[in-house]
PDB file of N, CA and C in Angstrom:
ATOM      1  N   GLY A   1     -79.158 -34.584 102.305  1.00  0.00           N
ATOM      2  CA  GLY A   1     -79.932 -33.734 101.429  1.00  0.00           C
ATOM      3  C   GLY A   1     -80.915 -34.508 100.581  1.00  0.00           C
ATOM      4  N   LEU A   2     -81.003 -35.812 100.756  1.00  0.00           N
ATOM      5  CA  LEU A   2     -81.920 -36.625  99.958  1.00  0.00           C
ATOM      6  C   LEU A   2     -83.363 -36.224 100.241  1.00  0.00           C
ATOM      7  N   GLU A   3     -84.139 -35.928  99.178  1.00  0.00           N
ATOM      8  CA  GLU A   3     -85.529 -35.502  99.350  1.00  0.00           C
ATOM      9  C   GLU A   3     -86.537 -36.527  98.849  1.00  0.00           C
ATOM     10  N   TYR A   4     -86.206 -37.228  97.774  1.00  0.00           N
ATOM     11  CA  TYR A   4     -87.114 -38.200  97.176  1.00  0.00           C
ATOM     12  C   TYR A   4     -86.335 -39.442  96.795  1.00  0.00           C
ATOM     13  N   ILE A   5     -87.001 -40.594  96.902  1.00  0.00           N
ATOM     14  CA  ILE A   5     -86.352 -41.833  96.473  1.00  0.00           C
ATOM     15  C   ILE A   5     -87.411 -42.810  95.984  1.00  0.00           C
ATOM     16  N   VAL A   6     -87.032 -43.578  94.990  1.00  0.00           N
ATOM     17  CA  VAL A   6     -87.860 -44.672  94.498  1.00  0.00           C
ATOM     18  C   VAL A   6     -87.114 -45.952  94.848  1.00  0.00           C
ATOM     19  N   VAL A   7     -87.731 -46.773  95.662  1.00  0.00           N
ATOM     20  CA  VAL A   7     -87.128 -48.048  96.056  1.00  0.00           C
ATOM     21  C   VAL A   7     -87.217 -48.992  94.855  1.00  0.00           C
ATOM     22  N   PRO A   8     -86.124 -49.621  94.467  1.00  0.00           N
ATOM     23  CA  PRO A   8     -86.140 -50.528  93.311  1.00  0.00           C
ATOM     24  C   PRO A   8     -87.077 -51.716  93.509  1.00  0.00           C
ATOM     25  N   LYS A   9     -87.600 -52.221  92.401  1.00  0.00           N
ATOM     26  CA  LYS A   9     -88.555 -53.331  92.436  1.00  0.00           C
ATOM     27  C   LYS A   9     -88.007 -54.592  93.079  1.00  0.00           C
ATOM     28  N   GLY A  10     -86.714 -54.808  93.015  1.00  0.00           N
ATOM     29  CA  GLY A  10     -86.125 -56.024  93.568  1.00  0.00           C
ATOM     30  C   GLY A  10     -86.051 -56.050  95.088  1.00  0.00           C
ATOM     31  N   VAL A  11     -86.288 -54.925  95.741  1.00  0.00           N
ATOM     32  CA  VAL A  11     -86.207 -54.851  97.202  1.00  0.00           C
ATOM     33  C   VAL A  11     -87.470 -55.448  97.818  1.00  0.00           C
ATOM     34  N   GLU A  12     -87.293 -56.353  98.777  1.00  0.00           N
ATOM     35  CA  GLU A  12     -88.441 -56.966  99.457  1.00  0.00           C
ATOM     36  C   GLU A  12     -88.516 -56.606 100.930  1.00  0.00           C
ATOM     37  N   ARG A  13     -87.402 -56.098 101.491  1.00  0.00           N
ATOM     38  CA  ARG A  13     -87.355 -55.758 102.911  1.00  0.00           C
ATOM     39  C   ARG A  13     -86.680 -54.399 103.085  1.00  0.00           C
ATOM     40  N   ILE A  14     -87.244 -53.600 103.972  1.00  0.00           N
ATOM     41  CA  ILE A  14     -86.618 -52.332 104.327  1.00  0.00           C
ATOM     42  C   ILE A  14     -86.181 -52.464 105.780  1.00  0.00           C
ATOM     43  N   LYS A  15     -84.879 -52.400 105.978  1.00  0.00           N
ATOM     44  CA  LYS A  15     -84.288 -52.700 107.280  1.00  0.00           C
ATOM     45  C   LYS A  15     -84.285 -51.504 108.222  1.00  0.00           C
ATOM     46  N   LYS A  16     -83.952 -51.796 109.470  1.00  0.00           N
ATOM     47  CA  LYS A  16     -83.884 -50.792 110.534  1.00  0.00           C
ATOM     48  C   LYS A  16     -82.994 -49.622 110.111  1.00  0.00           C
ATOM     49  N   LEU A  17     -83.536 -48.416 110.278  1.00  0.00           N
ATOM     50  CA  LEU A  17     -82.844 -47.151 110.028  1.00  0.00           C
ATOM     51  C   LEU A  17     -82.412 -46.946 108.576  1.00  0.00           C
ATOM     52  N   THR A  18     -83.010 -47.692 107.643  1.00  0.00           N
ATOM     53  CA  THR A  18     -82.691 -47.492 106.229  1.00  0.00           C
ATOM     54  C   THR A  18     -82.859 -46.029 105.849  1.00  0.00           C
ATOM     55  N   PHE A  19     -83.934 -45.424 106.323  1.00  0.00           N
ATOM     56  CA  PHE A  19     -84.194 -44.012 106.063  1.00  0.00           C
ATOM     57  C   PHE A  19     -84.203 -43.225 107.370  1.00  0.00           C
ATOM     58  N   GLY A  20     -83.464 -43.701 108.344  1.00  0.00           N
ATOM     59  CA  GLY A  20     -83.421 -43.067 109.659  1.00  0.00           C
ATOM     60  C   GLY A  20     -82.738 -41.712 109.639  1.00  0.00           C
ATOM     61  N   ASN A  21     -83.355 -40.769 110.339  1.00  0.00           N
ATOM     62  CA  ASN A  21     -82.827 -39.409 110.500  1.00  0.00           C
ATOM     63  C   ASN A  21     -82.548 -38.696 109.181  1.00  0.00           C
ATOM     64  N   CYS A  22     -83.333 -38.988 108.172  1.00  0.00           N
ATOM     65  CA  CYS A  22     -83.234 -38.263 106.893  1.00  0.00           C
ATOM     66  C   CYS A  22     -84.190 -37.078 106.983  1.00  0.00           C
ATOM     67  N   VAL A  23     -83.729 -36.017 107.605  1.00  0.00           N
ATOM     68  CA  VAL A  23     -84.608 -34.886 107.919  1.00  0.00           C
ATOM     69  C   VAL A  23     -85.112 -34.155 106.689  1.00  0.00           C
ATOM     70  N   ASN A  24     -84.425 -34.263 105.562  1.00  0.00           N
ATOM     71  CA  ASN A  24     -84.871 -33.604 104.330  1.00  0.00           C
ATOM     72  C   ASN A  24     -85.746 -34.495 103.466  1.00  0.00           C
ATOM     73  N   LEU A  25     -85.836 -35.761 103.823  1.00  0.00           N
ATOM     74  CA  LEU A  25     -86.602 -36.712 103.020  1.00  0.00           C
ATOM     75  C   LEU A  25     -88.083 -36.367 103.057  1.00  0.00           C
ATOM     76  N   GLN A  26     -88.677 -36.239 101.870  1.00  0.00           N
ATOM     77  CA  GLN A  26     -90.081 -35.854 101.765  1.00  0.00           C
ATOM     78  C   GLN A  26     -90.976 -36.964 101.240  1.00  0.00           C
ATOM     79  N   MET A  27     -90.447 -37.798 100.311  1.00  0.00           N
ATOM     80  CA  MET A  27     -91.292 -38.817  99.702  1.00  0.00           C
ATOM     81  C   MET A  27     -90.472 -40.051  99.358  1.00  0.00           C
ATOM     82  N   VAL A  28     -91.061 -41.221  99.668  1.00  0.00           N
ATOM     83  CA  VAL A  28     -90.450 -42.495  99.303  1.00  0.00           C
ATOM     84  C   VAL A  28     -91.505 -43.313  98.564  1.00  0.00           C
ATOM     85  N   ILE A  29     -91.200 -43.673  97.326  1.00  0.00           N
ATOM     86  CA  ILE A  29     -92.087 -44.518  96.533  1.00  0.00           C
ATOM     87  C   ILE A  29     -91.599 -45.949  96.694  1.00  0.00           C
ATOM     88  N   ILE A  30     -92.486 -46.800  97.188  1.00  0.00           N
ATOM     89  CA  ILE A  30     -92.125 -48.171  97.525  1.00  0.00           C
ATOM     90  C   ILE A  30     -92.968 -49.137  96.712  1.00  0.00           C
ATOM     91  N   PRO A  31     -92.328 -50.078  96.003  1.00  0.00           N
ATOM     92  CA  PRO A  31     -93.086 -51.020  95.184  1.00  0.00           C
ATOM     93  C   PRO A  31     -93.920 -51.971  96.043  1.00  0.00           C
ATOM     94  N   PRO A  32     -95.004 -52.499  95.473  1.00  0.00           N
ATOM     95  CA  PRO A  32     -95.889 -53.369  96.248  1.00  0.00           C
ATOM     96  C   PRO A  32     -95.276 -54.715  96.623  1.00  0.00           C
ATOM     97  N   ASN A  33     -94.148 -55.081  96.017  1.00  0.00           N
ATOM     98  CA  ASN A  33     -93.535 -56.366  96.355  1.00  0.00           C
ATOM     99  C   ASN A  33     -92.754 -56.324  97.663  1.00  0.00           C
ATOM    100  N   VAL A  34     -92.633 -55.148  98.296  1.00  0.00           N
ATOM    101  CA  VAL A  34     -91.976 -55.065  99.606  1.00  0.00           C
ATOM    102  C   VAL A  34     -92.857 -55.806 100.615  1.00  0.00           C
ATOM    103  N   LYS A  35     -92.272 -56.770 101.289  1.00  0.00           N
ATOM    104  CA  LYS A  35     -93.019 -57.639 102.211  1.00  0.00           C
ATOM    105  C   LYS A  35     -92.827 -57.267 103.678  1.00  0.00           C
ATOM    106  N   TYR A  36     -91.789 -56.469 103.978  1.00  0.00           N
ATOM    107  CA  TYR A  36     -91.493 -56.160 105.379  1.00  0.00           C
ATOM    108  C   TYR A  36     -90.831 -54.792 105.472  1.00  0.00           C
ATOM    109  N   ILE A  37     -91.279 -54.002 106.433  1.00  0.00           N
ATOM    110  CA  ILE A  37     -90.641 -52.731 106.758  1.00  0.00           C
ATOM    111  C   ILE A  37     -90.380 -52.748 108.262  1.00  0.00           C
ATOM    112  N   HIS A  38     -89.128 -52.610 108.642  1.00  0.00           N
ATOM    113  CA  HIS A  38     -88.770 -52.614 110.058  1.00  0.00           C
ATOM    114  C   HIS A  38     -89.475 -51.449 110.759  1.00  0.00           C
ATOM    115  N   PRO A  39     -89.950 -51.657 111.992  1.00  0.00           N
ATOM    116  CA  PRO A  39     -90.649 -50.591 112.715  1.00  0.00           C
ATOM    117  C   PRO A  39     -89.846 -49.291 112.844  1.00  0.00           C
ATOM    118  N   LYS A  40     -88.524 -49.377 112.798  1.00  0.00           N
ATOM    119  CA  LYS A  40     -87.697 -48.169 112.918  1.00  0.00           C
ATOM    120  C   LYS A  40     -86.995 -47.811 111.601  1.00  0.00           C
ATOM    121  N   ALA A  41     -87.542 -48.240 110.493  1.00  0.00           N
ATOM    122  CA  ALA A  41     -86.935 -47.948 109.188  1.00  0.00           C
ATOM    123  C   ALA A  41     -86.879 -46.454 108.900  1.00  0.00           C
ATOM    124  N   PHE A  42     -87.867 -45.708 109.402  1.00  0.00           N
ATOM    125  CA  PHE A  42     -87.960 -44.272 109.153  1.00  0.00           C
ATOM    126  C   PHE A  42     -87.771 -43.452 110.430  1.00  0.00           C
ATOM    127  N   TYR A  43     -87.125 -44.028 111.416  1.00  0.00           N
ATOM    128  CA  TYR A  43     -86.932 -43.359 112.706  1.00  0.00           C
ATOM    129  C   TYR A  43     -86.237 -42.008 112.504  1.00  0.00           C
ATOM    130  N   GLY A  44     -86.845 -40.970 113.009  1.00  0.00           N
ATOM    131  CA  GLY A  44     -86.279 -39.629 112.910  1.00  0.00           C
ATOM    132  C   GLY A  44     -86.551 -38.917 111.599  1.00  0.00           C
ATOM    133  N   SER A  45     -87.320 -39.543 110.728  1.00  0.00           N
ATOM    134  CA  SER A  45     -87.684 -38.946 109.436  1.00  0.00           C
ATOM    135  C   SER A  45     -89.197 -38.728 109.434  1.00  0.00           C
ATOM    136  N   GLN A  46     -89.633 -37.729 110.151  1.00  0.00           N
ATOM    137  CA  GLN A  46     -91.049 -37.561 110.476  1.00  0.00           C
ATOM    138  C   GLN A  46     -91.923 -37.002 109.357  1.00  0.00           C
ATOM    139  N   ASN A  47     -91.359 -36.306 108.396  1.00  0.00           N
ATOM    140  CA  ASN A  47     -92.178 -35.624 107.398  1.00  0.00           C
ATOM    141  C   ASN A  47     -92.280 -36.364 106.073  1.00  0.00           C
ATOM    142  N   VAL A  48     -92.020 -37.645 106.088  1.00  0.00           N
ATOM    143  CA  VAL A  48     -92.004 -38.440 104.862  1.00  0.00           C
ATOM    144  C   VAL A  48     -93.418 -38.865 104.470  1.00  0.00           C
ATOM    145  N   VAL A  49     -93.692 -38.779 103.172  1.00  0.00           N
ATOM    146  CA  VAL A  49     -94.919 -39.335 102.602  1.00  0.00           C
ATOM    147  C   VAL A  49     -94.521 -40.643 101.933  1.00  0.00           C
ATOM    148  N   LEU A  50     -95.199 -41.722 102.306  1.00  0.00           N
ATOM    149  CA  LEU A  50     -94.950 -43.021 101.691  1.00  0.00           C
ATOM    150  C   LEU A  50     -95.940 -43.209 100.553  1.00  0.00           C
ATOM    151  N   VAL A  51     -95.450 -43.675  99.419  1.00  0.00           N
ATOM    152  CA  VAL A  51     -96.284 -43.864  98.233  1.00  0.00           C
ATOM    153  C   VAL A  51     -96.200 -45.323  97.811  1.00  0.00           C
ATOM    154  N   SER A  52     -97.370 -45.949  97.633  1.00  0.00           N
ATOM    155  CA  SER A  52     -97.431 -47.332  97.178  1.00  0.00           C
ATOM    156  C   SER A  52     -98.876 -47.653  96.806  1.00  0.00           C
ATOM    157  N   ASN A  53     -99.147 -48.928  96.659  1.00  0.00           N
ATOM    158  CA  ASN A  53    -100.492 -49.373  96.303  1.00  0.00           C
ATOM    159  C   ASN A  53    -101.419 -49.413  97.517  1.00  0.00           C
ATOM    160  N   VAL A  54    -102.701 -49.284  97.251  1.00  0.00           N
ATOM    161  CA  VAL A  54    -103.719 -49.415  98.290  1.00  0.00           C
ATOM    162  C   VAL A  54    -103.658 -50.835  98.854  1.00  0.00           C
ATOM    163  N   ASN A  55    -103.893 -50.962 100.141  1.00  0.00           N
ATOM    164  CA  ASN A  55    -103.909 -52.242 100.859  1.00  0.00           C
ATOM    165  C   ASN A  55    -102.557 -52.949 100.878  1.00  0.00           C
ATOM    166  N   SER A  56    -101.491 -52.216 100.687  1.00  0.00           N
ATOM    167  CA  SER A  56    -100.156 -52.811 100.708  1.00  0.00           C
ATOM    168  C   SER A  56     -99.596 -52.774 102.127  1.00  0.00           C
ATOM    169  N   ILE A  57     -98.504 -53.470 102.315  1.00  0.00           N
ATOM    170  CA  ILE A  57     -97.776 -53.421 103.583  1.00  0.00           C
ATOM    171  C   ILE A  57     -97.390 -51.976 103.885  1.00  0.00           C
ATOM    172  N   VAL A  58     -97.053 -51.240 102.842  1.00  0.00           N
ATOM    173  CA  VAL A  58     -96.626 -49.848 102.990  1.00  0.00           C
ATOM    174  C   VAL A  58     -97.755 -48.998 103.572  1.00  0.00           C
ATOM    175  N   GLU A  59     -98.960 -49.173 103.056  1.00  0.00           N
ATOM    176  CA  GLU A  59    -100.095 -48.408 103.571  1.00  0.00           C
ATOM    177  C   GLU A  59    -100.345 -48.755 105.040  1.00  0.00           C
ATOM    178  N   LYS A  60    -100.314 -50.017 105.364  1.00  0.00           N
ATOM    179  CA  LYS A  60    -100.526 -50.441 106.755  1.00  0.00           C
ATOM    180  C   LYS A  60     -99.439 -49.888 107.672  1.00  0.00           C
ATOM    181  N   TYR A  61     -98.199 -49.918 107.205  1.00  0.00           N
ATOM    182  CA  TYR A  61     -97.080 -49.383 107.974  1.00  0.00           C
ATOM    183  C   TYR A  61     -97.277 -47.888 108.226  1.00  0.00           C
ATOM    184  N   ALA A  62     -97.651 -47.162 107.193  1.00  0.00           N
ATOM    185  CA  ALA A  62     -97.838 -45.709 107.318  1.00  0.00           C
ATOM    186  C   ALA A  62     -98.890 -45.387 108.374  1.00  0.00           C
ATOM    187  N   TYR A  63    -100.027 -46.038 108.300  1.00  0.00           N
ATOM    188  CA  TYR A  63    -101.085 -45.740 109.264  1.00  0.00           C
ATOM    189  C   TYR A  63    -100.714 -46.167 110.683  1.00  0.00           C
ATOM    190  N   LYS A  64    -100.055 -47.289 110.794  1.00  0.00           N
ATOM    191  CA  LYS A  64     -99.642 -47.767 112.114  1.00  0.00           C
ATOM    192  C   LYS A  64     -98.631 -46.834 112.771  1.00  0.00           C
ATOM    193  N   ASN A  65     -97.812 -46.183 111.956  1.00  0.00           N
ATOM    194  CA  ASN A  65     -96.751 -45.318 112.459  1.00  0.00           C
ATOM    195  C   ASN A  65     -97.050 -43.832 112.298  1.00  0.00           C
ATOM    196  N   ASN A  66     -98.324 -43.507 112.081  1.00  0.00           N
ATOM    197  CA  ASN A  66     -98.755 -42.109 111.946  1.00  0.00           C
ATOM    198  C   ASN A  66     -97.978 -41.342 110.883  1.00  0.00           C
ATOM    199  N   MET A  67     -97.762 -42.006 109.762  1.00  0.00           N
ATOM    200  CA  MET A  67     -97.075 -41.372 108.645  1.00  0.00           C
ATOM    201  C   MET A  67     -98.083 -41.090 107.542  1.00  0.00           C
ATOM    202  N   LYS A  68     -97.747 -40.165 106.683  1.00  0.00           N
ATOM    203  CA  LYS A  68     -98.612 -39.833 105.553  1.00  0.00           C
ATOM    204  C   LYS A  68     -98.465 -40.904 104.478  1.00  0.00           C
ATOM    205  N   PHE A  69     -99.595 -41.230 103.830  1.00  0.00           N
ATOM    206  CA  PHE A  69     -99.604 -42.232 102.765  1.00  0.00           C
ATOM    207  C   PHE A  69    -100.362 -41.681 101.574  1.00  0.00           C
ATOM    208  N   LEU A  70     -99.826 -41.930 100.395  1.00  0.00           N
ATOM    209  CA  LEU A  70    -100.499 -41.557  99.158  1.00  0.00           C
ATOM    210  C   LEU A  70    -100.465 -42.767  98.243  1.00  0.00           C
ATOM    211  N   SER A  71    -101.620 -43.121  97.713  1.00  0.00           N
ATOM    212  CA  SER A  71    -101.675 -44.308  96.856  1.00  0.00           C
ATOM    213  C   SER A  71    -101.303 -43.962  95.415  1.00  0.00           C
ATOM    214  N   ILE A  72    -100.656 -44.913  94.767  1.00  0.00           N
ATOM    215  CA  ILE A  72    -100.319 -44.780  93.350  1.00  0.00           C
ATOM    216  C   ILE A  72    -101.593 -44.555  92.554  1.00  0.00           C
ATOM    217  N   GLU A  73    -102.652 -45.253  92.925  1.00  0.00           N
ATOM    218  CA  GLU A  73    -103.921 -45.148  92.217  1.00  0.00           C
ATOM    219  C   GLU A  73    -104.444 -43.702  92.232  1.00  0.00           C
ATOM    220  N   ASN A  74    -104.342 -43.034  93.373  1.00  0.00           N
ATOM    221  CA  ASN A  74    -104.798 -41.646  93.453  1.00  0.00           C
ATOM    222  C   ASN A  74    -103.914 -40.707  92.653  1.00  0.00           C
ATOM    223  N   ILE A  75    -102.631 -40.989  92.617  1.00  0.00           N
ATOM    224  CA  ILE A  75    -101.734 -40.174  91.804  1.00  0.00           C
ATOM    225  C   ILE A  75    -102.116 -40.275  90.335  1.00  0.00           C
ATOM    226  N   VAL A  76    -102.381 -41.495  89.872  1.00  0.00           N
ATOM    227  CA  VAL A  76    -102.777 -41.698  88.478  1.00  0.00           C
ATOM    228  C   VAL A  76    -104.065 -40.952  88.178  1.00  0.00           C
ATOM    229  N   LYS A  77    -105.038 -41.009  89.085  1.00  0.00           N
ATOM    230  CA  LYS A  77    -106.301 -40.291  88.892  1.00  0.00           C
ATOM    231  C   LYS A  77    -106.068 -38.785  88.792  1.00  0.00           C
ATOM    232  N   LEU A  78    -105.200 -38.272  89.644  1.00  0.00           N
ATOM    233  CA  LEU A  78    -104.900 -36.837  89.611  1.00  0.00           C
ATOM    234  C   LEU A  78    -104.250 -36.428  88.295  1.00  0.00           C
ATOM    235  N   ILE A  79    -103.337 -37.249  87.805  1.00  0.00           N
ATOM    236  CA  ILE A  79    -102.660 -36.940  86.543  1.00  0.00           C
ATOM    237  C   ILE A  79    -103.646 -36.970  85.394  1.00  0.00           C
ATOM    238  N   LYS A  80    -104.537 -37.947  85.383  1.00  0.00           N
ATOM    239  CA  LYS A  80    -105.533 -38.039  84.314  1.00  0.00           C
ATOM    240  C   LYS A  80    -106.507 -36.872  84.336  1.00  0.00           C
ATOM    241  N   ALA A  81    -106.731 -36.306  85.505  1.00  0.00           N
ATOM    242  CA  ALA A  81    -107.668 -35.197  85.633  1.00  0.00           C
ATOM    243  C   ALA A  81    -107.089 -33.878  85.119  1.00  0.00           C
ATOM    244  N   ILE A  82    -105.788 -33.843  84.971  1.00  0.00           N
ATOM    245  CA  ILE A  82    -105.132 -32.582  84.540  1.00  0.00           C
ATOM    246  C   ILE A  82    -105.292 -32.381  83.047  1.00  0.00           C
TER     247      ILE A  82
END
């Protein structure tokens, strides 16, 4: 039933199937210090939006794996506009 998660700042690697088959998972906020995401870290979790900094490993991973990506910078801009 997990829908949202914020990966702690101390995490540098996301291993195989860490978020695998989490069908209810909608958003994962990943800090920019993450240096590696296994190609199958999100296997079976197709509707996840990854959130992190622009030009991060997370953004590259999202585009390479046809996943949705939202930058922290854009979120901040949206909040300021409200």
